[in-house]
């Protein structure tokens, strides 16, 4: 049986950071479970965040009007993407589990990690019109966001000044990970560790280690499957009328993004449903 492989995409500048400690804990726990763990330390690698024509080896299809998506898809097909991109794509292909470890910057990921998403997840390699969402390219892989915040959990509540964390997570977990087909595990959120006592940070680390020991047994978050939508340009890729009619009797929206004008389903982006359908 082939050895399991995990990829940790790490985006923090300091090896002395709490994020680095979380990375190291994941490496230790997963290695102990028999994983071959690879770490992409994006800052240490000087990974380039900007998506430019330098990502393509050789001639452009249309040098007069550079269109990054079209050109990189063609380059991927022809094996002409830059070496740093192909190296990351190879790591991603080999891994069954991918953990993104980062501090939350401006309600999103650091620029270097956004650049990783932009440059590595090229069309053709990571998605196509036929292979998105529940039929996506990476439907047999698990992905997880593990991140620290600079504010306490109370500020990311529906009545908190920063707003519902489920809304913050939707573009990342649905718009990137679910879009590419990943089985998205519930995020691991470390609330405001910079302002916590050392003992609390130690508890956070131990909690992370404990979760990693049972990670592969977890159920993923739920998203609206693509079968619920009419995937035609004529219909606008919208929910089928029958689905919308069925949803009228439901107290909550279908998901954080597909709320249909109703209250958001509680903890939609932070807790996976149990076997009985309820969120843990």
Protein backbone atom coordinates (compact mmCIF):
# COMPACT_ATOMS: atom_id res chain seq x y z
CA UNK A 1 0.00 0.00 0.00
CA UNK A 2 1.39 3.39 -1.00
CA UNK A 3 2.42 5.74 1.78
CA UNK A 4 -0.05 8.51 2.54
CA UNK A 5 1.16 12.00 1.65
CA UNK A 6 0.32 15.37 3.17
CA UNK A 7 1.21 18.85 1.99
CA UNK A 8 1.38 21.82 4.37
CA UNK A 9 1.36 25.16 2.58
CA UNK A 10 2.83 27.51 5.15
CA UNK A 11 2.57 31.30 4.94
CA UNK A 12 4.28 33.11 7.81
CA UNK A 13 7.50 35.09 7.82
CA UNK A 14 8.88 33.99 11.19
CA UNK A 15 10.12 30.54 12.28
CA UNK A 16 9.52 31.71 15.88
CA UNK A 17 5.81 32.39 15.28
CA UNK A 18 2.85 30.50 16.72
CA UNK A 19 1.96 29.58 13.15
CA UNK A 20 5.36 27.89 12.85
CA UNK A 21 4.68 25.96 16.06
CA UNK A 22 1.35 24.83 14.60
CA UNK A 23 3.10 23.76 11.40
CA UNK A 24 5.69 21.78 13.36
CA UNK A 25 3.00 20.09 15.43
CA UNK A 26 1.21 19.02 12.25
CA UNK A 27 4.43 17.66 10.75
CA UNK A 28 5.16 15.65 13.90
CA UNK A 29 1.64 14.25 14.33
CA UNK A 30 1.14 13.34 10.67
CA UNK A 31 4.59 11.81 10.37
CA UNK A 32 3.78 9.70 13.41
CA UNK A 33 0.66 8.46 11.59
CA UNK A 34 2.75 7.28 8.67
CA UNK A 35 2.33 10.26 6.37
CA UNK A 36 5.09 11.54 4.15
CA UNK A 37 4.81 15.24 4.94
CA UNK A 38 5.99 17.98 2.59
CA UNK A 39 6.06 21.63 3.65
CA UNK A 40 5.96 24.51 1.19
CA UNK A 41 7.31 27.41 3.25
CA UNK A 42 6.27 30.17 0.88
CA UNK A 43 8.22 33.05 2.46
CA UNK A 44 11.38 30.97 2.84
CA UNK A 45 11.01 29.87 -0.78
CA UNK A 46 10.56 33.47 -1.92
CA UNK A 47 7.49 32.21 -3.73
CA UNK A 48 6.32 34.89 -6.12
CA UNK A 49 2.78 36.10 -5.48
CA UNK A 50 2.20 38.01 -8.72
CA UNK A 51 0.67 36.17 -11.68
CA UNK A 52 2.49 37.38 -14.79
CA UNK A 53 3.66 36.15 -18.17
CA UNK A 54 6.88 35.06 -16.46
CA UNK A 55 4.88 32.00 -15.38
CA UNK A 56 4.96 30.77 -18.98
CA UNK A 57 7.99 29.34 -20.75
CA UNK A 58 8.12 30.12 -24.45
CA UNK A 59 5.88 32.11 -26.74
CA UNK A 60 2.49 33.51 -25.79
CA UNK A 61 -0.58 32.69 -27.81
CA UNK A 62 -1.60 36.35 -27.87
CA UNK A 63 1.29 38.64 -26.86
CA UNK A 64 -0.71 41.75 -27.77
CA UNK A 65 -3.42 41.01 -25.18
CA UNK A 66 -2.11 38.86 -22.35
CA UNK A 67 -4.87 36.83 -20.68
CA UNK A 68 -3.38 34.94 -17.75
CA UNK A 69 -6.01 32.20 -17.49
CA UNK A 70 -5.96 31.30 -21.18
CA UNK A 71 -2.19 31.43 -21.48
CA UNK A 72 -1.48 29.35 -18.37
CA UNK A 73 -4.05 26.74 -19.33
CA UNK A 74 -2.33 26.36 -22.70
CA UNK A 75 1.09 26.31 -21.05
CA UNK A 76 -0.04 23.63 -18.58
CA UNK A 77 -1.34 21.49 -21.44
CA UNK A 78 1.98 21.84 -23.27
CA UNK A 79 4.22 21.47 -20.20
CA UNK A 80 5.46 25.08 -20.35
CA UNK A 81 4.61 26.44 -16.92
CA UNK A 82 7.47 27.85 -14.83
CA UNK A 83 9.40 25.45 -12.64
CA UNK A 84 8.10 26.85 -9.34
CA UNK A 85 4.50 26.30 -10.40
CA UNK A 86 5.05 22.77 -11.70
CA UNK A 87 6.89 21.86 -8.49
CA UNK A 88 3.90 22.93 -6.38
CA UNK A 89 1.45 21.19 -8.70
CA UNK A 90 3.44 17.99 -8.33
CA UNK A 91 3.31 18.24 -4.53
CA UNK A 92 -0.44 18.82 -4.69
CA UNK A 93 -1.01 15.88 -7.01
CA UNK A 94 0.87 13.54 -4.68
CA UNK A 95 -0.91 14.61 -1.48
CA UNK A 96 -4.17 13.23 -0.14
CA UNK A 97 -4.32 15.85 2.62
CA UNK A 98 -3.49 19.54 2.23
CA UNK A 99 -3.27 21.93 5.19
CA UNK A 100 -3.00 25.66 4.66
CA UNK A 101 -1.36 27.28 7.71
CA UNK A 102 -1.44 31.09 7.89
CA UNK A 103 -2.41 34.19 9.87
CA UNK A 104 -5.64 35.85 8.80
CA UNK A 105 -4.76 39.06 6.93
CA UNK A 106 -7.50 41.56 6.12
CA UNK A 107 -10.20 38.88 6.45
CA UNK A 108 -8.33 36.65 3.98
CA UNK A 109 -4.99 34.96 3.37
CA UNK A 110 -1.56 36.66 3.12
CA UNK A 111 -0.66 37.84 -0.38
CA UNK A 112 1.94 35.11 -0.86
CA UNK A 113 -0.69 32.42 -0.21
CA UNK A 114 -3.21 34.15 -2.48
CA UNK A 115 -0.46 34.08 -5.11
CA UNK A 116 -0.06 30.35 -4.55
CA UNK A 117 -3.76 29.86 -5.23
CA UNK A 118 -3.66 32.15 -8.27
CA UNK A 119 -0.59 30.58 -9.85
CA UNK A 120 -0.72 26.91 -8.84
CA UNK A 121 -4.44 26.23 -9.36
CA UNK A 122 -4.33 26.81 -13.10
CA UNK A 123 -7.24 26.02 -15.36
CA UNK A 124 -6.92 22.52 -16.71
CA UNK A 125 -4.81 21.35 -13.79
CA UNK A 126 -7.18 22.34 -10.97
CA UNK A 127 -10.53 22.85 -12.71
CA UNK A 128 -12.43 22.96 -15.96
CA UNK A 129 -16.02 23.83 -16.80
CA UNK A 130 -16.88 20.14 -16.55
CA UNK A 131 -14.84 19.51 -13.39
CA UNK A 132 -15.88 21.95 -10.68
CA UNK A 133 -17.49 21.78 -7.25
CA UNK A 134 -18.82 18.31 -6.35
CA UNK A 135 -17.32 16.84 -9.52
CA UNK A 136 -14.08 18.78 -9.19
CA UNK A 137 -10.57 17.64 -10.03
CA UNK A 138 -9.56 17.18 -6.38
CA UNK A 139 -12.70 15.40 -5.15
CA UNK A 140 -10.58 12.62 -3.64
CA UNK A 141 -8.40 14.98 -1.60
CA UNK A 142 -9.05 16.63 1.78
CA UNK A 143 -8.15 20.25 2.48
CA UNK A 144 -8.15 22.27 5.68
CA UNK A 145 -7.60 25.92 6.59
CA UNK A 146 -5.65 26.32 9.84
CA UNK A 147 -5.17 29.93 10.82
CA UNK A 148 -4.65 32.44 13.58
CA UNK A 149 -6.60 35.64 14.08
CA UNK A 150 -5.67 38.97 15.59
CA UNK A 151 -9.02 39.35 17.33
CA UNK A 152 -11.04 37.25 19.80
CA UNK A 153 -13.83 34.94 18.72
CA UNK A 154 -16.50 37.31 20.03
CA UNK A 155 -15.61 39.87 17.35
CA UNK A 156 -16.36 37.31 14.60
CA UNK A 157 -19.85 36.43 15.84
CA UNK A 158 -22.96 37.40 13.83
CA UNK A 159 -23.38 40.34 16.24
CA UNK A 160 -19.64 41.07 16.53
CA UNK A 161 -18.03 44.09 14.95
CA UNK A 162 -16.04 41.98 12.44
CA UNK A 163 -19.10 40.01 11.38
CA UNK A 164 -19.86 36.32 11.09
CA UNK A 165 -16.71 34.23 10.51
CA UNK A 166 -18.80 31.93 8.31
CA UNK A 167 -19.20 34.79 5.82
CA UNK A 168 -15.46 35.52 5.96
CA UNK A 169 -14.64 31.89 5.17
CA UNK A 170 -17.08 31.42 2.29
CA UNK A 171 -14.86 32.84 -0.51
CA UNK A 172 -11.90 30.71 0.61
CA UNK A 173 -13.63 27.45 1.39
CA UNK A 174 -16.30 27.52 -1.30
CA UNK A 175 -14.79 29.80 -3.92
CA UNK A 176 -11.37 28.11 -3.98
CA UNK A 177 -11.34 24.74 -2.21
CA UNK A 178 -14.84 23.45 -2.92
CA UNK A 179 -14.71 24.95 -6.41
CA UNK A 180 -11.73 22.69 -7.17
CA UNK A 181 -13.51 19.70 -5.68
CA UNK A 182 -11.66 19.30 -2.37
CA UNK A 183 -13.39 17.62 0.55
CA UNK A 184 -13.17 20.64 2.85
CA UNK A 185 -12.67 19.82 6.51
CA UNK A 186 -13.84 22.25 9.18
CA UNK A 187 -11.29 25.02 9.71
CA UNK A 188 -8.95 25.04 12.69
CA UNK A 189 -9.17 28.56 14.09
CA UNK A 190 -6.80 29.85 16.75
CA UNK A 191 -8.41 32.93 18.21
CA UNK A 192 -6.07 35.80 19.03
CA UNK A 193 -3.07 33.79 20.27
CA UNK A 194 -0.85 36.89 20.44
CA UNK A 195 -2.94 38.17 23.35
CA UNK A 196 -3.33 34.84 25.16
CA UNK A 197 -1.20 33.61 28.09
CA UNK A 198 1.43 31.00 27.31
CA UNK A 199 -0.65 28.33 29.03
CA UNK A 200 -3.59 29.02 26.72
CA UNK A 201 -1.38 28.82 23.63
CA UNK A 202 -0.06 25.49 24.92
CA UNK A 203 -3.66 24.27 25.21
CA UNK A 204 -4.31 25.42 21.65
CA UNK A 205 -1.32 23.42 20.42
CA UNK A 206 -2.40 20.31 22.29
CA UNK A 207 -5.93 20.67 20.95
CA UNK A 208 -4.53 20.85 17.41
CA UNK A 209 -2.42 17.75 18.01
CA UNK A 210 -5.45 15.89 19.33
CA UNK A 211 -7.54 16.84 16.33
CA UNK A 212 -4.82 15.75 13.91
CA UNK A 213 -4.88 12.27 15.43
CA UNK A 214 -8.46 11.78 14.27
CA UNK A 215 -8.49 14.08 11.27
CA UNK A 216 -8.97 11.44 8.59
CA UNK A 217 -12.12 10.18 10.33
CA UNK A 218 -13.86 13.56 10.15
CA UNK A 219 -16.80 14.33 7.92
CA UNK A 220 -16.26 17.27 5.57
CA UNK A 221 -18.28 20.46 5.47
CA UNK A 222 -21.35 20.35 3.27
CA UNK A 223 -21.84 22.48 0.18
CA UNK A 224 -24.65 22.65 -2.35
CA UNK A 225 -23.89 19.94 -4.95
CA UNK A 226 -23.71 21.09 -8.54
CA UNK A 227 -26.64 18.80 -9.42
CA UNK A 228 -28.95 21.32 -7.76
CA UNK A 229 -28.10 23.88 -10.43
CA UNK A 230 -29.02 24.16 -14.09
CA UNK A 231 -25.52 24.30 -15.52
CA UNK A 232 -26.35 26.06 -18.75
CA UNK A 233 -25.64 29.57 -19.95
CA UNK A 234 -29.28 29.89 -20.91
CA UNK A 235 -30.38 29.25 -17.32
CA UNK A 236 -27.53 31.30 -15.88
CA UNK A 237 -26.12 28.41 -13.77
CA UNK A 238 -28.79 29.04 -11.14
CA UNK A 239 -30.65 26.75 -8.75
CA UNK A 240 -33.24 24.64 -10.48
CA UNK A 241 -36.83 25.91 -9.93
CA UNK A 242 -37.78 22.66 -8.18
CA UNK A 243 -34.94 23.13 -5.68
CA UNK A 244 -35.97 26.70 -4.93
CA UNK A 245 -39.53 25.58 -4.40
CA UNK A 246 -38.42 22.87 -1.98
CA UNK A 247 -36.30 25.37 -0.06
CA UNK A 248 -39.24 27.65 0.66
CA UNK A 249 -40.28 25.47 3.59
CA UNK A 250 -36.80 25.50 5.15
CA UNK A 251 -36.04 27.89 8.04
CA UNK A 252 -32.49 28.64 6.81
CA UNK A 253 -30.82 29.22 3.51
CA UNK A 254 -29.18 26.38 1.62
CA UNK A 255 -25.67 27.60 2.53
CA UNK A 256 -23.83 30.76 3.53
CA UNK A 257 -23.63 31.84 -0.11
CA UNK A 258 -26.95 30.40 -1.26
CA UNK A 259 -29.00 31.95 1.51
CA UNK A 260 -32.03 32.71 -0.70
CA UNK A 261 -32.81 35.74 1.43
CA UNK A 262 -33.17 33.64 4.60
CA UNK A 263 -31.11 33.45 7.79
CA UNK A 264 -27.76 31.79 7.22
CA UNK A 265 -27.50 28.15 8.31
CA UNK A 266 -25.66 28.28 11.68
CA UNK A 267 -21.96 27.37 11.62
CA UNK A 268 -22.20 26.42 7.94
CA UNK A 269 -18.50 27.09 7.30
CA UNK A 270 -17.07 26.15 10.69
CA UNK A 271 -18.65 22.84 11.72
CA UNK A 272 -19.30 19.69 9.76
CA UNK A 273 -22.69 18.01 10.16
CA UNK A 274 -22.86 14.85 12.22
CA UNK A 275 -24.09 11.58 10.79
CA UNK A 276 -27.58 12.65 11.80
CA UNK A 277 -27.36 15.88 9.86
CA UNK A 278 -26.85 18.21 12.80
CA UNK A 279 -23.73 20.34 13.18
CA UNK A 280 -21.39 19.26 15.95
